[in-house]
Amino acid sequence: SRLGTGTGHSEAHATRIVEHALDLGINFIDTARAYGTEPAVGKAIRGKRDSVVISTKSIIGNKEWITPSELADSLNKSLARLGTDYVDVMNLHGVTADQYPYCVAELVPELKRQQAAGKIRFLGITETFGRDPGHRMFETALPEDHFDVIMVGFSLLNPSARDRVFPHTLSRDVGTLIMFAVRRALSRPDALNELVGSLVDDGSLDEGLDRN
């Protein structure tokens, strides 16, 4: 998600990755304020904005949740970093089941105001897959139909979205983005063993599972 900047590479390196992706025909770029990649994406899409779909996100916060005015400010800063006057998808980032009612009551109206102003094309929301592997937030959110796009965790380790999420997105014509499809645990055996062990320890997997 950080285009190499999380492992010591420069912003210029990240920009080159996005430019190469665009040259290969990729036309959807997902970024976020929290990733720190919006400036790199902005430089890469300069002169190509009309041919690229851009998705970005604003965090809700932990102890103190973001206010509508802070959300608007976050969007404006994202637009400045991306060098554009609109984003195709604006997501509320990593929303928990407990945060969801506040998001609907306070933040969705602000997103719609920004949409009416032409700064957002579609409203999106992403889950906290690591803490909500059963998609509890989406069980509430999808039937209420406030969002055009969602981002959901889905992988070989946890494909539960196939039964718990996808039927709802399909029936409601909600755009679906996938996260956690390929992560450290799926590319490094030691990391996979560590993850399975932690899932056994916290009761998420059968205690009789051989973690080796």
N, C-alpha and C. Protein backbone atom coordinates (compact mmCIF):
# COMPACT_ATOMS: atom_id res chain seq x y z
N SER A 1 0.82 -1.21 0.00
CA SER A 1 0.00 0.00 0.00
C SER A 1 0.85 1.26 0.00
N ARG A 2 2.13 1.15 0.40
CA ARG A 2 2.99 2.32 0.46
C ARG A 2 3.96 2.43 -0.72
N LEU A 3 3.79 1.58 -1.70
CA LEU A 3 4.58 1.67 -2.94
C LEU A 3 6.08 1.68 -2.68
N GLY A 4 6.50 0.97 -1.65
CA GLY A 4 7.92 0.86 -1.32
C GLY A 4 8.42 1.87 -0.32
N THR A 5 7.65 2.93 -0.05
CA THR A 5 8.14 3.95 0.89
C THR A 5 8.21 3.41 2.31
N GLY A 6 7.44 2.36 2.61
CA GLY A 6 7.49 1.76 3.94
C GLY A 6 8.72 0.93 4.17
N THR A 7 9.46 0.62 3.11
CA THR A 7 10.70 -0.16 3.24
C THR A 7 11.92 0.65 2.83
N GLY A 8 11.81 1.97 2.90
CA GLY A 8 12.97 2.82 2.69
C GLY A 8 13.14 3.42 1.32
N HIS A 9 12.25 3.12 0.38
CA HIS A 9 12.37 3.70 -0.95
C HIS A 9 11.81 5.12 -0.97
N SER A 10 12.22 5.88 -1.96
CA SER A 10 11.88 7.30 -2.02
C SER A 10 10.50 7.52 -2.67
N GLU A 11 10.02 8.75 -2.53
CA GLU A 11 8.78 9.13 -3.19
C GLU A 11 8.93 9.05 -4.71
N ALA A 12 10.11 9.40 -5.21
CA ALA A 12 10.37 9.31 -6.65
C ALA A 12 10.24 7.86 -7.13
N HIS A 13 10.73 6.95 -6.32
CA HIS A 13 10.61 5.52 -6.64
C HIS A 13 9.13 5.12 -6.71
N ALA A 14 8.35 5.59 -5.72
CA ALA A 14 6.91 5.29 -5.70
C ALA A 14 6.22 5.86 -6.93
N THR A 15 6.60 7.07 -7.31
CA THR A 15 6.02 7.70 -8.50
C THR A 15 6.31 6.88 -9.75
N ARG A 16 7.53 6.37 -9.86
CA ARG A 16 7.89 5.57 -11.02
C ARG A 16 7.07 4.27 -11.08
N ILE A 17 6.77 3.69 -9.92
CA ILE A 17 5.95 2.48 -9.89
C ILE A 17 4.56 2.77 -10.46
N VAL A 18 3.97 3.88 -10.03
CA VAL A 18 2.63 4.23 -10.52
C VAL A 18 2.69 4.55 -12.01
N GLU A 19 3.70 5.27 -12.43
CA GLU A 19 3.83 5.60 -13.86
C GLU A 19 3.94 4.33 -14.70
N HIS A 20 4.73 3.36 -14.21
CA HIS A 20 4.89 2.10 -14.94
C HIS A 20 3.56 1.35 -14.99
N ALA A 21 2.82 1.37 -13.88
CA ALA A 21 1.51 0.72 -13.86
C ALA A 21 0.58 1.34 -14.90
N LEU A 22 0.58 2.65 -14.98
CA LEU A 22 -0.27 3.34 -15.96
C LEU A 22 0.16 2.98 -17.38
N ASP A 23 1.48 2.89 -17.61
CA ASP A 23 1.97 2.50 -18.93
C ASP A 23 1.53 1.10 -19.32
N LEU A 24 1.36 0.23 -18.31
CA LEU A 24 0.93 -1.15 -18.57
C LEU A 24 -0.58 -1.26 -18.79
N GLY A 25 -1.29 -0.15 -18.59
CA GLY A 25 -2.72 -0.16 -18.83
C GLY A 25 -3.59 -0.17 -17.58
N ILE A 26 -2.97 -0.19 -16.40
CA ILE A 26 -3.75 -0.12 -15.16
C ILE A 26 -4.37 1.27 -15.07
N ASN A 27 -5.65 1.31 -14.77
CA ASN A 27 -6.32 2.62 -14.74
C ASN A 27 -7.06 2.90 -13.44
N PHE A 28 -6.81 2.07 -12.41
CA PHE A 28 -7.40 2.28 -11.09
C PHE A 28 -6.29 2.33 -10.06
N ILE A 29 -6.23 3.41 -9.30
CA ILE A 29 -5.21 3.59 -8.27
C ILE A 29 -5.90 3.83 -6.93
N ASP A 30 -5.59 2.99 -5.96
CA ASP A 30 -6.13 3.16 -4.60
C ASP A 30 -5.03 3.69 -3.69
N THR A 31 -5.30 4.78 -3.02
CA THR A 31 -4.33 5.37 -2.11
C THR A 31 -5.06 5.80 -0.85
N ALA A 32 -4.38 6.49 0.04
CA ALA A 32 -4.99 6.97 1.28
C ALA A 32 -4.06 7.96 1.95
N ARG A 33 -4.66 8.86 2.71
CA ARG A 33 -3.86 9.78 3.50
C ARG A 33 -2.89 9.00 4.40
N ALA A 34 -3.39 7.92 5.02
CA ALA A 34 -2.57 7.14 5.96
C ALA A 34 -1.41 6.42 5.28
N TYR A 35 -1.52 6.13 3.99
CA TYR A 35 -0.44 5.44 3.28
C TYR A 35 0.74 6.36 3.00
N GLY A 36 0.48 7.66 2.93
CA GLY A 36 1.54 8.60 2.60
C GLY A 36 1.93 8.60 1.14
N THR A 37 1.07 8.05 0.27
CA THR A 37 1.42 7.91 -1.15
C THR A 37 0.68 8.87 -2.06
N GLU A 38 -0.20 9.70 -1.50
CA GLU A 38 -0.96 10.61 -2.35
C GLU A 38 -0.07 11.53 -3.19
N PRO A 39 1.01 12.10 -2.63
CA PRO A 39 1.87 12.96 -3.47
C PRO A 39 2.49 12.20 -4.64
N ALA A 40 2.94 10.97 -4.40
CA ALA A 40 3.53 10.17 -5.47
C ALA A 40 2.51 9.85 -6.55
N VAL A 41 1.30 9.51 -6.13
CA VAL A 41 0.24 9.23 -7.10
C VAL A 41 -0.08 10.49 -7.90
N GLY A 42 -0.16 11.63 -7.20
CA GLY A 42 -0.46 12.90 -7.86
C GLY A 42 0.54 13.23 -8.95
N LYS A 43 1.82 13.01 -8.67
CA LYS A 43 2.85 13.29 -9.68
C LYS A 43 2.74 12.34 -10.86
N ALA A 44 2.40 11.08 -10.56
CA ALA A 44 2.34 10.08 -11.63
C ALA A 44 1.16 10.31 -12.57
N ILE A 45 0.05 10.84 -12.04
CA ILE A 45 -1.15 10.99 -12.89
C ILE A 45 -1.22 12.35 -13.56
N ARG A 46 -0.22 13.20 -13.32
CA ARG A 46 -0.24 14.53 -13.92
C ARG A 46 -0.33 14.43 -15.45
N GLY A 47 -1.33 15.08 -16.01
CA GLY A 47 -1.56 15.03 -17.45
C GLY A 47 -2.34 13.81 -17.91
N LYS A 48 -2.69 12.92 -16.96
CA LYS A 48 -3.42 11.69 -17.31
C LYS A 48 -4.69 11.53 -16.47
N ARG A 49 -5.08 12.58 -15.76
CA ARG A 49 -6.15 12.45 -14.77
C ARG A 49 -7.44 11.88 -15.36
N ASP A 50 -7.79 12.28 -16.55
CA ASP A 50 -9.08 11.87 -17.12
C ASP A 50 -9.13 10.37 -17.45
N SER A 51 -7.98 9.73 -17.52
CA SER A 51 -7.95 8.31 -17.88
C SER A 51 -7.71 7.40 -16.68
N VAL A 52 -7.72 7.98 -15.46
CA VAL A 52 -7.42 7.21 -14.26
C VAL A 52 -8.54 7.36 -13.24
N VAL A 53 -8.90 6.26 -12.60
CA VAL A 53 -9.86 6.27 -11.49
C VAL A 53 -9.07 6.29 -10.18
N ILE A 54 -9.32 7.29 -9.36
CA ILE A 54 -8.57 7.48 -8.12
C ILE A 54 -9.48 7.25 -6.92
N SER A 55 -9.02 6.40 -6.02
CA SER A 55 -9.70 6.15 -4.76
C SER A 55 -8.78 6.55 -3.61
N THR A 56 -9.29 7.33 -2.66
CA THR A 56 -8.50 7.66 -1.49
C THR A 56 -9.38 7.54 -0.25
N LYS A 57 -8.80 7.84 0.94
CA LYS A 57 -9.49 7.55 2.18
C LYS A 57 -9.15 8.59 3.25
N SER A 58 -10.05 8.71 4.22
CA SER A 58 -9.80 9.54 5.40
C SER A 58 -10.07 8.70 6.63
N ILE A 59 -9.11 8.69 7.56
CA ILE A 59 -9.28 7.91 8.78
C ILE A 59 -10.34 8.55 9.68
N ILE A 60 -10.99 7.74 10.48
CA ILE A 60 -12.04 8.20 11.39
C ILE A 60 -11.43 8.66 12.72
N GLY A 61 -10.34 8.02 13.13
CA GLY A 61 -9.73 8.32 14.42
C GLY A 61 -10.05 7.24 15.43
N ASN A 62 -9.36 7.28 16.57
CA ASN A 62 -9.55 6.27 17.59
C ASN A 62 -10.30 6.84 18.80
N LYS A 63 -9.60 7.53 19.69
CA LYS A 63 -10.25 8.08 20.88
C LYS A 63 -11.20 9.21 20.54
N GLU A 64 -10.79 10.08 19.64
CA GLU A 64 -11.65 11.17 19.18
C GLU A 64 -11.91 11.00 17.69
N TRP A 65 -13.18 10.93 17.33
CA TRP A 65 -13.54 10.69 15.94
C TRP A 65 -13.56 12.00 15.17
N ILE A 66 -13.22 11.91 13.92
CA ILE A 66 -13.14 13.07 13.04
C ILE A 66 -14.51 13.75 12.93
N THR A 67 -14.50 15.08 12.90
CA THR A 67 -15.74 15.84 12.74
C THR A 67 -16.02 16.06 11.26
N PRO A 68 -17.24 16.45 10.91
CA PRO A 68 -17.54 16.74 9.50
C PRO A 68 -16.60 17.79 8.90
N SER A 69 -16.30 18.85 9.65
CA SER A 69 -15.40 19.88 9.12
C SER A 69 -13.99 19.34 8.94
N GLU A 70 -13.56 18.47 9.84
CA GLU A 70 -12.23 17.86 9.70
C GLU A 70 -12.20 16.90 8.51
N LEU A 71 -13.31 16.24 8.27
CA LEU A 71 -13.40 15.37 7.09
C LEU A 71 -13.28 16.18 5.81
N ALA A 72 -13.97 17.32 5.76
CA ALA A 72 -13.88 18.19 4.58
C ALA A 72 -12.46 18.69 4.39
N ASP A 73 -11.79 19.04 5.50
CA ASP A 73 -10.41 19.50 5.43
C ASP A 73 -9.49 18.38 4.94
N SER A 74 -9.73 17.16 5.41
CA SER A 74 -8.93 16.02 4.98
C SER A 74 -9.09 15.78 3.48
N LEU A 75 -10.32 15.89 2.99
CA LEU A 75 -10.56 15.73 1.56
C LEU A 75 -9.82 16.79 0.76
N ASN A 76 -9.89 18.04 1.20
CA ASN A 76 -9.23 19.12 0.47
C ASN A 76 -7.71 18.93 0.45
N LYS A 77 -7.15 18.45 1.55
CA LYS A 77 -5.71 18.19 1.58
C LYS A 77 -5.35 17.03 0.66
N SER A 78 -6.21 16.02 0.61
CA SER A 78 -5.96 14.91 -0.31
C SER A 78 -6.00 15.38 -1.76
N LEU A 79 -6.97 16.24 -2.08
CA LEU A 79 -7.05 16.77 -3.45
C LEU A 79 -5.79 17.55 -3.80
N ALA A 80 -5.29 18.33 -2.85
CA ALA A 80 -4.07 19.11 -3.10
C ALA A 80 -2.88 18.18 -3.33
N ARG A 81 -2.76 17.15 -2.50
CA ARG A 81 -1.63 16.23 -2.67
C ARG A 81 -1.73 15.46 -3.97
N LEU A 82 -2.95 15.13 -4.38
CA LEU A 82 -3.15 14.38 -5.62
C LEU A 82 -3.12 15.26 -6.86
N GLY A 83 -3.18 16.58 -6.66
CA GLY A 83 -3.14 17.50 -7.79
C GLY A 83 -4.37 17.43 -8.66
N THR A 84 -5.54 17.24 -8.03
CA THR A 84 -6.78 17.11 -8.78
C THR A 84 -7.88 17.87 -8.05
N ASP A 85 -8.96 18.15 -8.74
CA ASP A 85 -10.07 18.84 -8.07
C ASP A 85 -11.21 17.90 -7.71
N TYR A 86 -11.04 16.60 -7.94
CA TYR A 86 -12.03 15.62 -7.51
C TYR A 86 -11.38 14.25 -7.37
N VAL A 87 -11.98 13.41 -6.55
CA VAL A 87 -11.59 12.00 -6.48
C VAL A 87 -12.79 11.16 -6.92
N ASP A 88 -12.50 10.04 -7.52
CA ASP A 88 -13.58 9.18 -7.99
C ASP A 88 -14.28 8.47 -6.83
N VAL A 89 -13.48 8.02 -5.85
CA VAL A 89 -14.04 7.37 -4.66
C VAL A 89 -13.39 7.96 -3.42
N MET A 90 -14.21 8.42 -2.49
CA MET A 90 -13.73 8.89 -1.19
C MET A 90 -14.24 7.94 -0.13
N ASN A 91 -13.30 7.27 0.56
CA ASN A 91 -13.66 6.25 1.54
C ASN A 91 -13.49 6.75 2.97
N LEU A 92 -14.41 6.36 3.83
CA LEU A 92 -14.16 6.43 5.26
C LEU A 92 -13.32 5.21 5.59
N HIS A 93 -12.17 5.43 6.24
CA HIS A 93 -11.09 4.44 6.28
C HIS A 93 -11.11 3.63 7.57
N GLY A 94 -11.23 2.31 7.44
CA GLY A 94 -11.11 1.42 8.59
C GLY A 94 -12.19 1.62 9.63
N VAL A 95 -13.44 1.57 9.20
CA VAL A 95 -14.56 1.85 10.10
C VAL A 95 -14.95 0.58 10.86
N THR A 96 -15.07 0.70 12.18
CA THR A 96 -15.51 -0.43 13.00
C THR A 96 -17.03 -0.43 13.12
N ALA A 97 -17.56 -1.53 13.62
CA ALA A 97 -19.01 -1.61 13.84
C ALA A 97 -19.47 -0.55 14.83
N ASP A 98 -18.64 -0.25 15.82
CA ASP A 98 -19.01 0.77 16.82
C ASP A 98 -19.00 2.18 16.22
N GLN A 99 -18.11 2.43 15.28
CA GLN A 99 -18.01 3.75 14.66
C GLN A 99 -19.07 3.98 13.59
N TYR A 100 -19.61 2.90 13.05
CA TYR A 100 -20.49 3.03 11.88
C TYR A 100 -21.68 3.95 12.11
N PRO A 101 -22.43 3.85 13.21
CA PRO A 101 -23.58 4.76 13.39
C PRO A 101 -23.18 6.23 13.36
N TYR A 102 -22.02 6.57 13.96
CA TYR A 102 -21.55 7.96 13.93
C TYR A 102 -21.25 8.37 12.49
N CYS A 103 -20.63 7.47 11.75
CA CYS A 103 -20.30 7.79 10.35
C CYS A 103 -21.55 8.13 9.54
N VAL A 104 -22.60 7.35 9.74
CA VAL A 104 -23.84 7.58 9.00
C VAL A 104 -24.50 8.88 9.42
N ALA A 105 -24.52 9.13 10.73
CA ALA A 105 -25.21 10.31 11.23
C ALA A 105 -24.47 11.61 10.95
N GLU A 106 -23.13 11.59 11.04
CA GLU A 106 -22.36 12.83 10.97
C GLU A 106 -21.51 12.99 9.71
N LEU A 107 -20.94 11.90 9.23
CA LEU A 107 -19.96 12.02 8.15
C LEU A 107 -20.55 11.79 6.76
N VAL A 108 -21.51 10.90 6.64
CA VAL A 108 -22.13 10.68 5.33
C VAL A 108 -22.78 11.96 4.79
N PRO A 109 -23.49 12.74 5.62
CA PRO A 109 -24.04 14.00 5.10
C PRO A 109 -22.96 14.94 4.57
N GLU A 110 -21.80 14.96 5.23
CA GLU A 110 -20.70 15.80 4.75
C GLU A 110 -20.14 15.28 3.44
N LEU A 111 -20.00 13.97 3.32
CA LEU A 111 -19.55 13.39 2.05
C LEU A 111 -20.51 13.75 0.93
N LYS A 112 -21.80 13.72 1.22
CA LYS A 112 -22.79 14.05 0.19
C LYS A 112 -22.72 15.53 -0.19
N ARG A 113 -22.41 16.39 0.80
CA ARG A 113 -22.23 17.81 0.48
C ARG A 113 -21.03 18.00 -0.44
N GLN A 114 -19.96 17.28 -0.17
CA GLN A 114 -18.77 17.38 -1.02
C GLN A 114 -19.03 16.75 -2.39
N GLN A 115 -19.86 15.74 -2.42
CA GLN A 115 -20.25 15.12 -3.70
C GLN A 115 -21.06 16.12 -4.53
N ALA A 116 -21.97 16.81 -3.89
CA ALA A 116 -22.77 17.82 -4.59
C ALA A 116 -21.91 18.96 -5.10
N ALA A 117 -20.79 19.22 -4.41
CA ALA A 117 -19.87 20.27 -4.83
C ALA A 117 -18.94 19.81 -5.94
N GLY A 118 -19.01 18.54 -6.33
CA GLY A 118 -18.20 18.03 -7.42
C GLY A 118 -16.83 17.52 -7.02
N LYS A 119 -16.57 17.40 -5.72
CA LYS A 119 -15.24 16.97 -5.27
C LYS A 119 -15.14 15.45 -5.12
N ILE A 120 -16.28 14.77 -5.10
CA ILE A 120 -16.35 13.31 -4.94
C ILE A 120 -17.34 12.76 -5.96
N ARG A 121 -16.98 11.68 -6.61
CA ARG A 121 -17.94 11.02 -7.50
C ARG A 121 -18.75 9.96 -6.74
N PHE A 122 -18.05 9.10 -5.98
CA PHE A 122 -18.72 8.01 -5.29
C PHE A 122 -18.28 7.92 -3.83
N LEU A 123 -19.20 7.52 -2.96
CA LEU A 123 -18.92 7.38 -1.54
C LEU A 123 -18.51 5.95 -1.24
N GLY A 124 -17.43 5.82 -0.43
CA GLY A 124 -16.93 4.49 -0.10
C GLY A 124 -16.66 4.33 1.38
N ILE A 125 -16.52 3.08 1.81
CA ILE A 125 -16.21 2.75 3.20
C ILE A 125 -15.37 1.49 3.23
N THR A 126 -14.39 1.44 4.13
CA THR A 126 -13.54 0.25 4.27
C THR A 126 -13.63 -0.27 5.69
N GLU A 127 -13.38 -1.57 5.85
CA GLU A 127 -13.51 -2.19 7.16
C GLU A 127 -12.15 -2.35 7.85
N THR A 128 -12.18 -2.77 9.12
CA THR A 128 -10.96 -3.13 9.86
C THR A 128 -10.89 -4.64 9.88
N PHE A 129 -10.40 -5.21 8.80
CA PHE A 129 -10.46 -6.66 8.60
C PHE A 129 -9.71 -7.43 9.68
N GLY A 130 -8.58 -6.88 10.13
CA GLY A 130 -7.80 -7.57 11.16
C GLY A 130 -8.55 -7.73 12.46
N ARG A 131 -9.35 -6.74 12.82
CA ARG A 131 -10.13 -6.79 14.07
C ARG A 131 -11.57 -7.23 13.85
N ASP A 132 -12.00 -7.28 12.61
CA ASP A 132 -13.38 -7.65 12.29
C ASP A 132 -13.39 -8.67 11.15
N PRO A 133 -12.80 -9.86 11.41
CA PRO A 133 -12.69 -10.84 10.32
C PRO A 133 -14.02 -11.42 9.87
N GLY A 134 -15.07 -11.21 10.66
CA GLY A 134 -16.39 -11.70 10.27
C GLY A 134 -17.26 -10.66 9.58
N HIS A 135 -16.68 -9.46 9.31
CA HIS A 135 -17.36 -8.39 8.56
C HIS A 135 -18.61 -7.89 9.28
N ARG A 136 -18.51 -7.71 10.59
CA ARG A 136 -19.66 -7.29 11.38
C ARG A 136 -20.16 -5.91 10.96
N MET A 137 -19.22 -5.01 10.64
CA MET A 137 -19.62 -3.67 10.23
C MET A 137 -20.45 -3.71 8.95
N PHE A 138 -20.02 -4.53 7.99
CA PHE A 138 -20.73 -4.59 6.72
C PHE A 138 -22.10 -5.26 6.85
N GLU A 139 -22.27 -6.11 7.85
CA GLU A 139 -23.58 -6.72 8.06
C GLU A 139 -24.64 -5.65 8.30
N THR A 140 -24.22 -4.55 8.93
CA THR A 140 -25.13 -3.43 9.15
C THR A 140 -25.13 -2.46 7.96
N ALA A 141 -23.94 -2.17 7.47
CA ALA A 141 -23.80 -1.10 6.47
C ALA A 141 -24.45 -1.45 5.13
N LEU A 142 -24.25 -2.65 4.65
CA LEU A 142 -24.72 -2.98 3.30
C LEU A 142 -26.24 -2.92 3.15
N PRO A 143 -27.02 -3.45 4.09
CA PRO A 143 -28.48 -3.32 3.93
C PRO A 143 -28.96 -1.87 3.96
N GLU A 144 -28.22 -0.98 4.63
CA GLU A 144 -28.64 0.41 4.71
C GLU A 144 -28.33 1.20 3.44
N ASP A 145 -27.37 0.71 2.65
CA ASP A 145 -27.17 1.23 1.28
C ASP A 145 -26.79 2.71 1.21
N HIS A 146 -25.88 3.13 2.08
CA HIS A 146 -25.40 4.52 2.05
C HIS A 146 -24.19 4.71 1.13
N PHE A 147 -23.52 3.61 0.77
CA PHE A 147 -22.24 3.71 0.09
C PHE A 147 -22.28 3.04 -1.28
N ASP A 148 -21.57 3.66 -2.22
CA ASP A 148 -21.49 3.14 -3.59
C ASP A 148 -20.41 2.08 -3.74
N VAL A 149 -19.38 2.14 -2.87
CA VAL A 149 -18.20 1.29 -2.98
C VAL A 149 -17.80 0.84 -1.58
N ILE A 150 -17.36 -0.41 -1.44
CA ILE A 150 -16.79 -0.87 -0.18
C ILE A 150 -15.42 -1.49 -0.45
N MET A 151 -14.59 -1.56 0.59
CA MET A 151 -13.34 -2.32 0.52
C MET A 151 -13.38 -3.36 1.64
N VAL A 152 -13.23 -4.63 1.25
CA VAL A 152 -13.43 -5.74 2.17
C VAL A 152 -12.23 -6.67 2.13
N GLY A 153 -11.90 -7.26 3.27
CA GLY A 153 -10.83 -8.24 3.32
C GLY A 153 -11.28 -9.57 2.74
N PHE A 154 -10.41 -10.16 1.91
CA PHE A 154 -10.75 -11.44 1.27
C PHE A 154 -9.45 -12.11 0.86
N SER A 155 -9.23 -13.33 1.36
CA SER A 155 -7.98 -14.02 1.03
C SER A 155 -8.17 -15.53 1.21
N LEU A 156 -7.14 -16.28 0.88
CA LEU A 156 -7.17 -17.72 1.10
C LEU A 156 -7.31 -18.05 2.57
N LEU A 157 -6.78 -17.19 3.43
CA LEU A 157 -6.86 -17.43 4.87
C LEU A 157 -8.24 -17.14 5.43
N ASN A 158 -8.97 -16.23 4.81
CA ASN A 158 -10.32 -15.89 5.27
C ASN A 158 -11.16 -15.47 4.07
N PRO A 159 -11.84 -16.43 3.44
CA PRO A 159 -12.69 -16.10 2.29
C PRO A 159 -14.15 -15.89 2.67
N SER A 160 -14.43 -15.56 3.95
CA SER A 160 -15.81 -15.50 4.42
C SER A 160 -16.65 -14.43 3.72
N ALA A 161 -15.99 -13.44 3.11
CA ALA A 161 -16.75 -12.41 2.40
C ALA A 161 -17.55 -13.00 1.25
N ARG A 162 -17.12 -14.14 0.75
CA ARG A 162 -17.85 -14.77 -0.35
C ARG A 162 -19.31 -15.04 0.03
N ASP A 163 -19.53 -15.41 1.29
CA ASP A 163 -20.89 -15.70 1.75
C ASP A 163 -21.52 -14.54 2.50
N ARG A 164 -20.71 -13.75 3.22
CA ARG A 164 -21.25 -12.74 4.11
C ARG A 164 -21.35 -11.34 3.50
N VAL A 165 -20.59 -11.10 2.43
CA VAL A 165 -20.53 -9.75 1.87
C VAL A 165 -20.94 -9.71 0.39
N PHE A 166 -20.32 -10.55 -0.42
CA PHE A 166 -20.51 -10.45 -1.87
C PHE A 166 -21.96 -10.59 -2.33
N PRO A 167 -22.78 -11.47 -1.73
CA PRO A 167 -24.18 -11.52 -2.17
C PRO A 167 -24.90 -10.18 -2.00
N HIS A 168 -24.54 -9.45 -0.95
CA HIS A 168 -25.18 -8.15 -0.70
C HIS A 168 -24.68 -7.09 -1.68
N THR A 169 -23.36 -7.09 -1.97
CA THR A 169 -22.84 -6.10 -2.91
C THR A 169 -23.37 -6.36 -4.31
N LEU A 170 -23.50 -7.63 -4.67
CA LEU A 170 -24.03 -7.96 -5.99
C LEU A 170 -25.49 -7.54 -6.12
N SER A 171 -26.29 -7.81 -5.11
CA SER A 171 -27.71 -7.50 -5.20
C SER A 171 -27.97 -6.00 -5.18
N ARG A 172 -27.04 -5.23 -4.60
CA ARG A 172 -27.22 -3.78 -4.48
C ARG A 172 -26.36 -2.99 -5.47
N ASP A 173 -25.62 -3.69 -6.32
CA ASP A 173 -24.76 -3.04 -7.31
C ASP A 173 -23.74 -2.13 -6.64
N VAL A 174 -23.13 -2.62 -5.57
CA VAL A 174 -22.11 -1.88 -4.84
C VAL A 174 -20.73 -2.30 -5.35
N GLY A 175 -19.91 -1.32 -5.74
CA GLY A 175 -18.56 -1.62 -6.19
C GLY A 175 -17.76 -2.25 -5.07
N THR A 176 -16.95 -3.27 -5.38
CA THR A 176 -16.24 -4.02 -4.35
C THR A 176 -14.74 -4.02 -4.63
N LEU A 177 -13.98 -3.51 -3.65
CA LEU A 177 -12.53 -3.53 -3.69
C LEU A 177 -12.04 -4.55 -2.66
N ILE A 178 -10.98 -5.26 -3.02
CA ILE A 178 -10.46 -6.32 -2.16
C ILE A 178 -9.15 -5.88 -1.50
N MET A 179 -9.04 -6.14 -0.19
CA MET A 179 -7.76 -5.93 0.50
C MET A 179 -7.35 -7.23 1.18
N PHE A 180 -6.09 -7.30 1.55
CA PHE A 180 -5.51 -8.48 2.20
C PHE A 180 -5.47 -9.70 1.29
N ALA A 181 -5.63 -9.51 -0.02
CA ALA A 181 -5.59 -10.66 -0.93
C ALA A 181 -4.23 -11.35 -0.89
N VAL A 182 -3.17 -10.56 -0.88
CA VAL A 182 -1.81 -11.10 -0.78
C VAL A 182 -1.09 -10.28 0.29
N ARG A 183 -0.72 -10.93 1.36
CA ARG A 183 -0.04 -10.24 2.45
C ARG A 183 1.19 -11.05 2.85
N ARG A 184 1.88 -10.53 3.85
CA ARG A 184 3.12 -11.17 4.32
C ARG A 184 2.90 -12.64 4.68
N ALA A 185 1.77 -12.95 5.32
CA ALA A 185 1.52 -14.32 5.76
C ALA A 185 1.36 -15.29 4.60
N LEU A 186 1.04 -14.78 3.40
CA LEU A 186 0.86 -15.65 2.25
C LEU A 186 2.12 -15.77 1.41
N SER A 187 3.17 -15.05 1.78
CA SER A 187 4.40 -15.12 1.00
C SER A 187 5.59 -15.60 1.83
N ARG A 188 5.42 -15.70 3.16
CA ARG A 188 6.50 -16.14 4.04
C ARG A 188 5.99 -17.22 4.98
N PRO A 189 6.51 -18.44 4.88
CA PRO A 189 6.02 -19.54 5.73
C PRO A 189 6.12 -19.23 7.23
N ASP A 190 7.20 -18.55 7.65
CA ASP A 190 7.34 -18.24 9.07
C ASP A 190 6.24 -17.29 9.53
N ALA A 191 5.89 -16.33 8.67
CA ALA A 191 4.83 -15.39 9.02
C ALA A 191 3.47 -16.10 9.05
N LEU A 192 3.26 -17.05 8.15
CA LEU A 192 2.02 -17.80 8.13
C LEU A 192 1.89 -18.63 9.40
N ASN A 193 2.98 -19.28 9.79
CA ASN A 193 2.96 -20.09 11.01
C ASN A 193 2.66 -19.22 12.23
N GLU A 194 3.26 -18.05 12.27
CA GLU A 194 3.03 -17.12 13.37
C GLU A 194 1.56 -16.68 13.42
N LEU A 195 1.01 -16.36 12.24
CA LEU A 195 -0.38 -15.91 12.18
C LEU A 195 -1.34 -17.02 12.61
N VAL A 196 -1.15 -18.23 12.08
CA VAL A 196 -2.04 -19.33 12.43
C VAL A 196 -1.96 -19.60 13.93
N GLY A 197 -0.74 -19.54 14.47
CA GLY A 197 -0.58 -19.74 15.90
C GLY A 197 -1.34 -18.73 16.73
N SER A 198 -1.30 -17.46 16.30
CA SER A 198 -2.02 -16.42 17.04
C SER A 198 -3.53 -16.61 16.94
N LEU A 199 -4.00 -17.10 15.79
CA LEU A 199 -5.43 -17.35 15.62
C LEU A 199 -5.90 -18.52 16.48
N VAL A 200 -5.04 -19.54 16.62
CA VAL A 200 -5.37 -20.64 17.52
C VAL A 200 -5.40 -20.16 18.96
N ASP A 201 -4.41 -19.34 19.33
CA ASP A 201 -4.31 -18.86 20.70
C ASP A 201 -5.50 -18.00 21.12
N ASP A 202 -6.03 -17.19 20.18
CA ASP A 202 -7.15 -16.33 20.57
C ASP A 202 -8.51 -16.97 20.31
N GLY A 203 -8.51 -18.24 19.88
CA GLY A 203 -9.75 -18.96 19.72
C GLY A 203 -10.42 -18.82 18.37
N SER A 204 -9.75 -18.14 17.43
CA SER A 204 -10.36 -17.95 16.11
C SER A 204 -10.31 -19.22 15.26
N LEU A 205 -9.36 -20.11 15.58
CA LEU A 205 -9.25 -21.39 14.88
C LEU A 205 -9.30 -22.51 15.90
N ASP A 206 -9.63 -23.71 15.43
CA ASP A 206 -9.73 -24.88 16.28
C ASP A 206 -8.44 -25.11 17.04
N GLU A 207 -8.54 -25.36 18.35
CA GLU A 207 -7.35 -25.55 19.17
C GLU A 207 -6.56 -26.79 18.75
N GLY A 208 -7.22 -27.73 18.08
CA GLY A 208 -6.54 -28.94 17.66
C GLY A 208 -5.77 -28.78 16.36
N LEU A 209 -5.80 -27.59 15.76
CA LEU A 209 -5.10 -27.38 14.50
C LEU A 209 -3.60 -27.45 14.69
N ASP A 210 -2.93 -28.21 13.85
CA ASP A 210 -1.47 -28.28 13.88
C ASP A 210 -0.92 -27.06 13.18
N ARG A 211 -0.30 -26.16 13.95
CA ARG A 211 0.16 -24.91 13.34
C ARG A 211 1.40 -25.10 12.48
N ASN A 212 1.96 -26.30 12.40
CA ASN A 212 3.07 -26.57 11.50
C ASN A 212 2.59 -27.25 10.23
